[in-house]
């Protein structure tokens, strides 16, 4: 077998992502046990492994088999093509994933760049209360409590999780983009399972009343961003009143 075949078999059978170090160790241990068949790859170097994994990634993408080899914070793994999301979710009976609202993205970006950070420091940066957003991000397992501050009262400190890196396709925290790029990555990740019309609405969301058809997910998630759709000065009311006055004048004549 070629090395890329061996690597593909290992990663496919693994129950968790496989790092380059873990793969090299597995090859060495297998070579010691079975020198006749596996000894040829017992001394393979990390550089050769990485080059072979990149080649395998390229072949998966160009073959259009619906499976990609991706690298996340924990290592390499196979995953389904995002464009196949509607069919895979229907098969697994999984509903549409929850979109992150703009306030949630902003809070998440602050935590990611300034971690560990306390709630008071978050509110000082954002200028608003963040209790609701922090609770939602923790429920989504994108942030976690990483310790306590030495300040009076010893407030809790928050940081990002491994799922956060996986969600945005990052290997480590230092690969973080800016907030606009973070928002774009989240939108791209979620819009691949919706229709063309809904995808366009994600890029340029229309301002609609909460609960109405076409309301953006961020409006549904964050009630703080929702505004009262009722306008106390509706021009249509003035037009109706004007029309009534004209009718009265015609009756008097």
C-alpha atoms as a PDB file:
ATOM      1  CA  UNK A   1       0.000   0.000   0.000  1.00  0.00           C
ATOM      2  CA  UNK A   2       1.067   3.578  -0.637  1.00  0.00           C
ATOM      3  CA  UNK A   3       1.545   5.782   2.383  1.00  0.00           C
ATOM      4  CA  UNK A   4      -1.512   7.905   1.532  1.00  0.00           C
ATOM      5  CA  UNK A   5      -3.637   4.726   1.494  1.00  0.00           C
ATOM      6  CA  UNK A   6      -2.365   3.799   4.947  1.00  0.00           C
ATOM      7  CA  UNK A   7      -3.059   7.294   6.257  1.00  0.00           C
ATOM      8  CA  UNK A   8      -6.541   7.321   4.731  1.00  0.00           C
ATOM      9  CA  UNK A   9      -7.381   3.986   6.366  1.00  0.00           C
ATOM     10  CA  UNK A  10      -6.083   5.121   9.761  1.00  0.00           C
ATOM     11  CA  UNK A  11      -7.965   8.424   9.770  1.00  0.00           C
ATOM     12  CA  UNK A  12     -11.170   6.838   8.460  1.00  0.00           C
ATOM     13  CA  UNK A  13     -11.153   4.164  11.186  1.00  0.00           C
ATOM     14  CA  UNK A  14     -10.164   6.528  14.025  1.00  0.00           C
ATOM     15  CA  UNK A  15     -12.855   7.585  16.490  1.00  0.00           C
ATOM     16  CA  UNK A  16     -11.277  11.014  16.947  1.00  0.00           C
ATOM     17  CA  UNK A  17      -9.086  13.337  14.858  1.00  0.00           C
ATOM     18  CA  UNK A  18      -5.532  12.059  14.385  1.00  0.00           C
ATOM     19  CA  UNK A  19      -2.587  14.426  14.752  1.00  0.00           C
ATOM     20  CA  UNK A  20       0.645  13.971  12.813  1.00  0.00           C
ATOM     21  CA  UNK A  21       2.409  12.927  16.004  1.00  0.00           C
ATOM     22  CA  UNK A  22      -0.238  10.314  16.802  1.00  0.00           C
ATOM     23  CA  UNK A  23      -0.060   8.905  13.269  1.00  0.00           C
ATOM     24  CA  UNK A  24       3.748   8.691  13.380  1.00  0.00           C
ATOM     25  CA  UNK A  25       3.624   6.895  16.735  1.00  0.00           C
ATOM     26  CA  UNK A  26       1.051   4.434  15.387  1.00  0.00           C
ATOM     27  CA  UNK A  27       3.203   3.693  12.327  1.00  0.00           C
ATOM     28  CA  UNK A  28       6.247   3.077  14.513  1.00  0.00           C
ATOM     29  CA  UNK A  29       4.388   0.762  16.896  1.00  0.00           C
ATOM     30  CA  UNK A  30       2.841  -1.188  14.032  1.00  0.00           C
ATOM     31  CA  UNK A  31       6.247  -1.555  12.358  1.00  0.00           C
ATOM     32  CA  UNK A  32       7.696  -3.073  15.535  1.00  0.00           C
ATOM     33  CA  UNK A  33       4.883  -5.622  15.716  1.00  0.00           C
ATOM     34  CA  UNK A  34       4.671  -6.449  12.010  1.00  0.00           C
ATOM     35  CA  UNK A  35       7.970  -5.660  10.308  1.00  0.00           C
ATOM     36  CA  UNK A  36       7.198  -7.697   7.214  1.00  0.00           C
ATOM     37  CA  UNK A  37       4.161  -5.674   6.124  1.00  0.00           C
ATOM     38  CA  UNK A  38       4.366  -2.430   8.089  1.00  0.00           C
ATOM     39  CA  UNK A  39       8.108  -2.009   8.613  1.00  0.00           C
ATOM     40  CA  UNK A  40       8.494   0.133   5.487  1.00  0.00           C
ATOM     41  CA  UNK A  41       6.712   3.063   7.155  1.00  0.00           C
ATOM     42  CA  UNK A  42       8.166   2.637  10.639  1.00  0.00           C
ATOM     43  CA  UNK A  43      10.720   5.438  10.218  1.00  0.00           C
ATOM     44  CA  UNK A  44       8.661   7.933   8.244  1.00  0.00           C
ATOM     45  CA  UNK A  45       9.260  11.588   9.201  1.00  0.00           C
ATOM     46  CA  UNK A  46       6.712  14.259  10.078  1.00  0.00           C
ATOM     47  CA  UNK A  47       7.507  16.267   6.943  1.00  0.00           C
ATOM     48  CA  UNK A  48       6.709  13.280   4.744  1.00  0.00           C
ATOM     49  CA  UNK A  49       3.496  12.622   6.649  1.00  0.00           C
ATOM     50  CA  UNK A  50       2.360  16.234   6.264  1.00  0.00           C
ATOM     51  CA  UNK A  51       3.114  16.244   2.543  1.00  0.00           C
ATOM     52  CA  UNK A  52       1.173  13.017   2.062  1.00  0.00           C
ATOM     53  CA  UNK A  53      -1.771  14.333   4.071  1.00  0.00           C
ATOM     54  CA  UNK A  54      -1.863  17.501   1.933  1.00  0.00           C
ATOM     55  CA  UNK A  55      -1.894  15.353  -1.182  1.00  0.00           C
ATOM     56  CA  UNK A  56      -4.734  13.290   0.240  1.00  0.00           C
ATOM     57  CA  UNK A  57      -6.650  16.490   1.040  1.00  0.00           C
ATOM     58  CA  UNK A  58      -6.255  17.729  -2.527  1.00  0.00           C
ATOM     59  CA  UNK A  59      -7.382  14.430  -4.028  1.00  0.00           C
ATOM     60  CA  UNK A  60     -10.472  14.344  -1.816  1.00  0.00           C
ATOM     61  CA  UNK A  61     -11.467  17.849  -2.909  1.00  0.00           C
ATOM     62  CA  UNK A  62     -10.883  17.320  -6.625  1.00  0.00           C
ATOM     63  CA  UNK A  63     -12.532  13.892  -6.786  1.00  0.00           C
ATOM     64  CA  UNK A  64     -15.880  15.347  -5.593  1.00  0.00           C
ATOM     65  CA  UNK A  65     -16.811  12.230  -3.648  1.00  0.00           C
ATOM     66  CA  UNK A  66     -18.703  14.175  -0.968  1.00  0.00           C
ATOM     67  CA  UNK A  67     -15.958  13.564   1.623  1.00  0.00           C
ATOM     68  CA  UNK A  68     -13.201  15.972   2.680  1.00  0.00           C
ATOM     69  CA  UNK A  69     -10.074  15.486   4.761  1.00  0.00           C
ATOM     70  CA  UNK A  70      -9.930  18.451   7.134  1.00  0.00           C
ATOM     71  CA  UNK A  71      -7.525  19.544   9.856  1.00  0.00           C
ATOM     72  CA  UNK A  72      -8.791  21.064  13.089  1.00  0.00           C
ATOM     73  CA  UNK A  73      -7.251  21.816  16.458  1.00  0.00           C
ATOM     74  CA  UNK A  74      -7.057  18.113  17.373  1.00  0.00           C
ATOM     75  CA  UNK A  75      -5.765  16.717  14.080  1.00  0.00           C
ATOM     76  CA  UNK A  76      -7.027  15.311  10.772  1.00  0.00           C
ATOM     77  CA  UNK A  77     -10.396  13.684  10.156  1.00  0.00           C
ATOM     78  CA  UNK A  78     -12.785  12.888   7.338  1.00  0.00           C
ATOM     79  CA  UNK A  79     -16.057  14.788   7.181  1.00  0.00           C
ATOM     80  CA  UNK A  80     -18.903  15.133   4.704  1.00  0.00           C
ATOM     81  CA  UNK A  81     -18.964  17.938   2.149  1.00  0.00           C
ATOM     82  CA  UNK A  82     -20.896  20.926   3.620  1.00  0.00           C
ATOM     83  CA  UNK A  83     -22.960  21.198   0.429  1.00  0.00           C
ATOM     84  CA  UNK A  84     -24.475  17.819   1.272  1.00  0.00           C
ATOM     85  CA  UNK A  85     -25.845  19.208   4.523  1.00  0.00           C
ATOM     86  CA  UNK A  86     -29.601  19.065   3.696  1.00  0.00           C
ATOM     87  CA  UNK A  87     -29.476  15.344   2.877  1.00  0.00           C
ATOM     88  CA  UNK A  88     -27.173  14.392   5.747  1.00  0.00           C
ATOM     89  CA  UNK A  89     -29.242  16.307   8.312  1.00  0.00           C
ATOM     90  CA  UNK A  90     -32.458  14.752   7.033  1.00  0.00           C
ATOM     91  CA  UNK A  91     -30.918  11.284   7.287  1.00  0.00           C
ATOM     92  CA  UNK A  92     -29.687  11.983  10.826  1.00  0.00           C
ATOM     93  CA  UNK A  93     -32.930  13.785  11.739  1.00  0.00           C
ATOM     94  CA  UNK A  94     -31.019  16.890  12.766  1.00  0.00           C
ATOM     95  CA  UNK A  95     -32.692  20.299  12.606  1.00  0.00           C
ATOM     96  CA  UNK A  96     -31.251  23.477  11.152  1.00  0.00           C
ATOM     97  CA  UNK A  97     -28.309  24.735  13.268  1.00  0.00           C
ATOM     98  CA  UNK A  98     -28.718  27.933  15.254  1.00  0.00           C
ATOM     99  CA  UNK A  99     -27.139  31.038  13.756  1.00  0.00           C
ATOM    100  CA  UNK A 100     -25.086  33.346  15.937  1.00  0.00           C
ATOM    101  CA  UNK A 101     -26.503  36.840  16.288  1.00  0.00           C
ATOM    102  CA  UNK A 102     -24.344  39.927  15.785  1.00  0.00           C
ATOM    103  CA  UNK A 103     -24.099  40.652  19.554  1.00  0.00           C
ATOM    104  CA  UNK A 104     -23.127  37.016  20.161  1.00  0.00           C
ATOM    105  CA  UNK A 105     -20.408  37.202  17.493  1.00  0.00           C
ATOM    106  CA  UNK A 106     -19.043  40.435  18.929  1.00  0.00           C
ATOM    107  CA  UNK A 107     -18.980  39.027  22.459  1.00  0.00           C
ATOM    108  CA  UNK A 108     -17.400  35.800  21.222  1.00  0.00           C
ATOM    109  CA  UNK A 109     -14.698  37.726  19.349  1.00  0.00           C
ATOM    110  CA  UNK A 110     -13.841  39.785  22.444  1.00  0.00           C
ATOM    111  CA  UNK A 111     -13.534  36.633  24.544  1.00  0.00           C
ATOM    112  CA  UNK A 112     -11.421  34.922  21.878  1.00  0.00           C
ATOM    113  CA  UNK A 113      -8.960  37.804  21.515  1.00  0.00           C
ATOM    114  CA  UNK A 114      -8.742  38.843  25.168  1.00  0.00           C
ATOM    115  CA  UNK A 115      -9.159  35.533  26.989  1.00  0.00           C
ATOM    116  CA  UNK A 116      -9.170  34.958  29.844  1.00  0.00           C
ATOM    117  CA  UNK A 117     -11.639  37.788  30.457  1.00  0.00           C
ATOM    118  CA  UNK A 118     -14.245  38.541  33.119  1.00  0.00           C
ATOM    119  CA  UNK A 119     -17.872  39.532  32.596  1.00  0.00           C
ATOM    120  CA  UNK A 120     -17.171  43.049  33.910  1.00  0.00           C
ATOM    121  CA  UNK A 121     -14.369  43.511  31.373  1.00  0.00           C
ATOM    122  CA  UNK A 122     -16.654  42.270  28.601  1.00  0.00           C
ATOM    123  CA  UNK A 123     -19.361  44.742  29.566  1.00  0.00           C
ATOM    124  CA  UNK A 124     -16.787  47.554  29.732  1.00  0.00           C
ATOM    125  CA  UNK A 125     -15.772  46.837  26.126  1.00  0.00           C
ATOM    126  CA  UNK A 126     -19.271  46.294  24.728  1.00  0.00           C
ATOM    127  CA  UNK A 127     -21.043  48.907  26.850  1.00  0.00           C
ATOM    128  CA  UNK A 128     -24.059  46.648  27.490  1.00  0.00           C
ATOM    129  CA  UNK A 129     -24.959  43.741  29.769  1.00  0.00           C
ATOM    130  CA  UNK A 130     -23.741  40.394  28.449  1.00  0.00           C
ATOM    131  CA  UNK A 131     -25.324  37.913  30.874  1.00  0.00           C
ATOM    132  CA  UNK A 132     -27.777  36.582  28.283  1.00  0.00           C
ATOM    133  CA  UNK A 133     -25.139  36.286  25.536  1.00  0.00           C
ATOM    134  CA  UNK A 134     -22.624  34.546  27.833  1.00  0.00           C
ATOM    135  CA  UNK A 135     -25.267  32.050  28.916  1.00  0.00           C
ATOM    136  CA  UNK A 136     -26.154  31.298  25.286  1.00  0.00           C
ATOM    137  CA  UNK A 137     -22.511  30.875  24.238  1.00  0.00           C
ATOM    138  CA  UNK A 138     -21.896  28.504  27.139  1.00  0.00           C
ATOM    139  CA  UNK A 139     -24.964  26.457  26.214  1.00  0.00           C
ATOM    140  CA  UNK A 140     -23.564  26.202  22.675  1.00  0.00           C
ATOM    141  CA  UNK A 141     -20.235  25.076  24.228  1.00  0.00           C
ATOM    142  CA  UNK A 142     -18.318  27.800  22.409  1.00  0.00           C
ATOM    143  CA  UNK A 143     -16.953  29.314  25.657  1.00  0.00           C
ATOM    144  CA  UNK A 144     -16.231  27.977  29.127  1.00  0.00           C
ATOM    145  CA  UNK A 145     -15.085  29.116  32.567  1.00  0.00           C
ATOM    146  CA  UNK A 146     -11.295  28.892  32.628  1.00  0.00           C
ATOM    147  CA  UNK A 147     -10.578  30.227  36.128  1.00  0.00           C
ATOM    148  CA  UNK A 148     -11.085  33.121  38.514  1.00  0.00           C
ATOM    149  CA  UNK A 149      -9.546  36.580  38.600  1.00  0.00           C
ATOM    150  CA  UNK A 150      -7.358  37.788  41.471  1.00  0.00           C
ATOM    151  CA  UNK A 151      -9.466  40.958  41.698  1.00  0.00           C
ATOM    152  CA  UNK A 152     -11.767  41.511  44.692  1.00  0.00           C
ATOM    153  CA  UNK A 153     -14.693  39.136  44.575  1.00  0.00           C
ATOM    154  CA  UNK A 154     -12.655  36.763  42.367  1.00  0.00           C
ATOM    155  CA  UNK A 155     -14.916  37.034  39.301  1.00  0.00           C
ATOM    156  CA  UNK A 156     -15.014  34.127  36.861  1.00  0.00           C
ATOM    157  CA  UNK A 157     -12.887  34.267  33.727  1.00  0.00           C
ATOM    158  CA  UNK A 158     -14.088  33.031  30.332  1.00  0.00           C
ATOM    159  CA  UNK A 159     -12.251  31.534  27.381  1.00  0.00           C
ATOM    160  CA  UNK A 160     -13.010  29.673  24.160  1.00  0.00           C
ATOM    161  CA  UNK A 161     -13.335  25.897  23.784  1.00  0.00           C
ATOM    162  CA  UNK A 162     -12.066  23.307  21.315  1.00  0.00           C
ATOM    163  CA  UNK A 163     -15.546  23.305  19.781  1.00  0.00           C
ATOM    164  CA  UNK A 164     -15.112  27.027  19.057  1.00  0.00           C
ATOM    165  CA  UNK A 165     -12.009  26.266  16.978  1.00  0.00           C
ATOM    166  CA  UNK A 166     -13.803  23.419  15.215  1.00  0.00           C
ATOM    167  CA  UNK A 167     -16.875  25.586  14.557  1.00  0.00           C
ATOM    168  CA  UNK A 168     -14.809  28.204  12.714  1.00  0.00           C
ATOM    169  CA  UNK A 169     -12.331  25.787  11.144  1.00  0.00           C
ATOM    170  CA  UNK A 170      -9.314  27.040  13.116  1.00  0.00           C
ATOM    171  CA  UNK A 171      -6.295  25.034  14.245  1.00  0.00           C
ATOM    172  CA  UNK A 172      -5.453  27.282  17.189  1.00  0.00           C
ATOM    173  CA  UNK A 173      -6.421  30.617  18.734  1.00  0.00           C
ATOM    174  CA  UNK A 174      -3.576  32.527  17.048  1.00  0.00           C
ATOM    175  CA  UNK A 175      -5.217  31.818  13.664  1.00  0.00           C
ATOM    176  CA  UNK A 176      -8.192  33.999  14.630  1.00  0.00           C
ATOM    177  CA  UNK A 177      -9.366  36.456  11.944  1.00  0.00           C
ATOM    178  CA  UNK A 178     -11.050  39.808  12.532  1.00  0.00           C
ATOM    179  CA  UNK A 179     -14.677  40.121  13.658  1.00  0.00           C
ATOM    180  CA  UNK A 180     -15.891  40.750  10.103  1.00  0.00           C
ATOM    181  CA  UNK A 181     -14.118  37.626   8.873  1.00  0.00           C
ATOM    182  CA  UNK A 182     -15.454  35.672  11.854  1.00  0.00           C
ATOM    183  CA  UNK A 183     -18.977  36.720  10.939  1.00  0.00           C
ATOM    184  CA  UNK A 184     -18.426  35.797   7.293  1.00  0.00           C
ATOM    185  CA  UNK A 185     -17.108  32.347   8.205  1.00  0.00           C
ATOM    186  CA  UNK A 186     -20.106  31.661  10.420  1.00  0.00           C
ATOM    187  CA  UNK A 187     -22.529  32.773   7.701  1.00  0.00           C
ATOM    188  CA  UNK A 188     -20.819  30.606   5.080  1.00  0.00           C
ATOM    189  CA  UNK A 189     -20.883  27.610   7.384  1.00  0.00           C
ATOM    190  CA  UNK A 190     -24.622  27.873   7.956  1.00  0.00           C
ATOM    191  CA  UNK A 191     -25.980  29.079   4.611  1.00  0.00           C
ATOM    192  CA  UNK A 192     -24.841  26.042   2.625  1.00  0.00           C
ATOM    193  CA  UNK A 193     -27.976  24.149   3.624  1.00  0.00           C
ATOM    194  CA  UNK A 194     -30.526  26.818   2.702  1.00  0.00           C
ATOM    195  CA  UNK A 195     -32.052  27.937  -0.574  1.00  0.00           C
ATOM    196  CA  UNK A 196     -30.548  30.652  -2.768  1.00  0.00           C
ATOM    197  CA  UNK A 197     -33.115  33.150  -1.546  1.00  0.00           C
ATOM    198  CA  UNK A 198     -32.344  32.485   2.121  1.00  0.00           C
ATOM    199  CA  UNK A 199     -28.606  32.630   1.472  1.00  0.00           C
ATOM    200  CA  UNK A 200     -29.015  36.061  -0.098  1.00  0.00           C
ATOM    201  CA  UNK A 201     -31.040  37.188   2.913  1.00  0.00           C
ATOM    202  CA  UNK A 202     -28.191  36.077   5.170  1.00  0.00           C
ATOM    203  CA  UNK A 203     -25.772  38.355   3.344  1.00  0.00           C
ATOM    204  CA  UNK A 204     -28.177  41.335   3.285  1.00  0.00           C
ATOM    205  CA  UNK A 205     -30.813  40.719   5.981  1.00  0.00           C
ATOM    206  CA  UNK A 206     -34.094  42.596   5.661  1.00  0.00           C
ATOM    207  CA  UNK A 207     -35.453  44.433   8.687  1.00  0.00           C
ATOM    208  CA  UNK A 208     -38.753  42.774   9.485  1.00  0.00           C
ATOM    209  CA  UNK A 209     -40.934  42.385  12.495  1.00  0.00           C
ATOM    210  CA  UNK A 210     -39.980  39.517  14.817  1.00  0.00           C
ATOM    211  CA  UNK A 211     -41.966  36.384  14.109  1.00  0.00           C
ATOM    212  CA  UNK A 212     -42.854  37.353  10.516  1.00  0.00           C
ATOM    213  CA  UNK A 213     -41.833  35.167   7.623  1.00  0.00           C
ATOM    214  CA  UNK A 214     -38.372  36.164   6.390  1.00  0.00           C
ATOM    215  CA  UNK A 215     -37.120  37.405   9.752  1.00  0.00           C
ATOM    216  CA  UNK A 216     -33.388  36.848  10.070  1.00  0.00           C
ATOM    217  CA  UNK A 217     -32.126  34.245  12.569  1.00  0.00           C
ATOM    218  CA  UNK A 218     -30.191  36.886  14.490  1.00  0.00           C
ATOM    219  CA  UNK A 219     -33.432  38.754  15.149  1.00  0.00           C
ATOM    220  CA  UNK A 220     -35.014  35.583  16.468  1.00  0.00           C
ATOM    221  CA  UNK A 221     -32.032  34.753  18.692  1.00  0.00           C
ATOM    222  CA  UNK A 222     -31.360  38.139  20.294  1.00  0.00           C
ATOM    223  CA  UNK A 223     -34.405  40.035  21.510  1.00  0.00           C
ATOM    224  CA  UNK A 224     -32.137  42.926  22.500  1.00  0.00           C
ATOM    225  CA  UNK A 225     -31.529  43.719  18.834  1.00  0.00           C
ATOM    226  CA  UNK A 226     -35.193  43.671  17.901  1.00  0.00           C
ATOM    227  CA  UNK A 227     -36.985  46.981  17.559  1.00  0.00           C
ATOM    228  CA  UNK A 228     -40.681  47.630  17.848  1.00  0.00           C
ATOM    229  CA  UNK A 229     -42.035  47.420  14.305  1.00  0.00           C
ATOM    230  CA  UNK A 230     -44.940  49.687  15.170  1.00  0.00           C
ATOM    231  CA  UNK A 231     -44.388  53.286  14.008  1.00  0.00           C
ATOM    232  CA  UNK A 232     -46.410  55.895  15.948  1.00  0.00           C
ATOM    233  CA  UNK A 233     -46.234  58.229  12.950  1.00  0.00           C
ATOM    234  CA  UNK A 234     -47.580  56.145  10.109  1.00  0.00           C
ATOM    235  CA  UNK A 235     -47.983  58.218   6.900  1.00  0.00           C
ATOM    236  CA  UNK A 236     -50.886  56.027   5.813  1.00  0.00           C
ATOM    237  CA  UNK A 237     -52.943  57.259   8.805  1.00  0.00           C
ATOM    238  CA  UNK A 238     -52.495  60.867   7.688  1.00  0.00           C
ATOM    239  CA  UNK A 239     -53.623  60.011   4.171  1.00  0.00           C
ATOM    240  CA  UNK A 240     -56.793  58.322   5.448  1.00  0.00           C
ATOM    241  CA  UNK A 241     -57.628  61.364   7.595  1.00  0.00           C
ATOM    242  CA  UNK A 242     -57.142  63.687   4.638  1.00  0.00           C
ATOM    243  CA  UNK A 243     -59.425  61.567   2.436  1.00  0.00           C
ATOM    244  CA  UNK A 244     -62.184  61.647   5.088  1.00  0.00           C
ATOM    245  CA  UNK A 245     -62.111  65.463   5.165  1.00  0.00           C
ATOM    246  CA  UNK A 246     -62.538  65.615   1.387  1.00  0.00           C
ATOM    247  CA  UNK A 247     -65.567  63.302   1.540  1.00  0.00           C
ATOM    248  CA  UNK A 248     -67.239  65.514   4.176  1.00  0.00           C
ATOM    249  CA  UNK A 249     -66.774  68.600   2.000  1.00  0.00           C
ATOM    250  CA  UNK A 250     -68.373  66.874  -0.985  1.00  0.00           C
ATOM    251  CA  UNK A 251     -71.424  65.852   1.095  1.00  0.00           C
ATOM    252  CA  UNK A 252     -71.960  69.436   2.314  1.00  0.00           C
ATOM    253  CA  UNK A 253     -71.965  70.775  -1.255  1.00  0.00           C
END
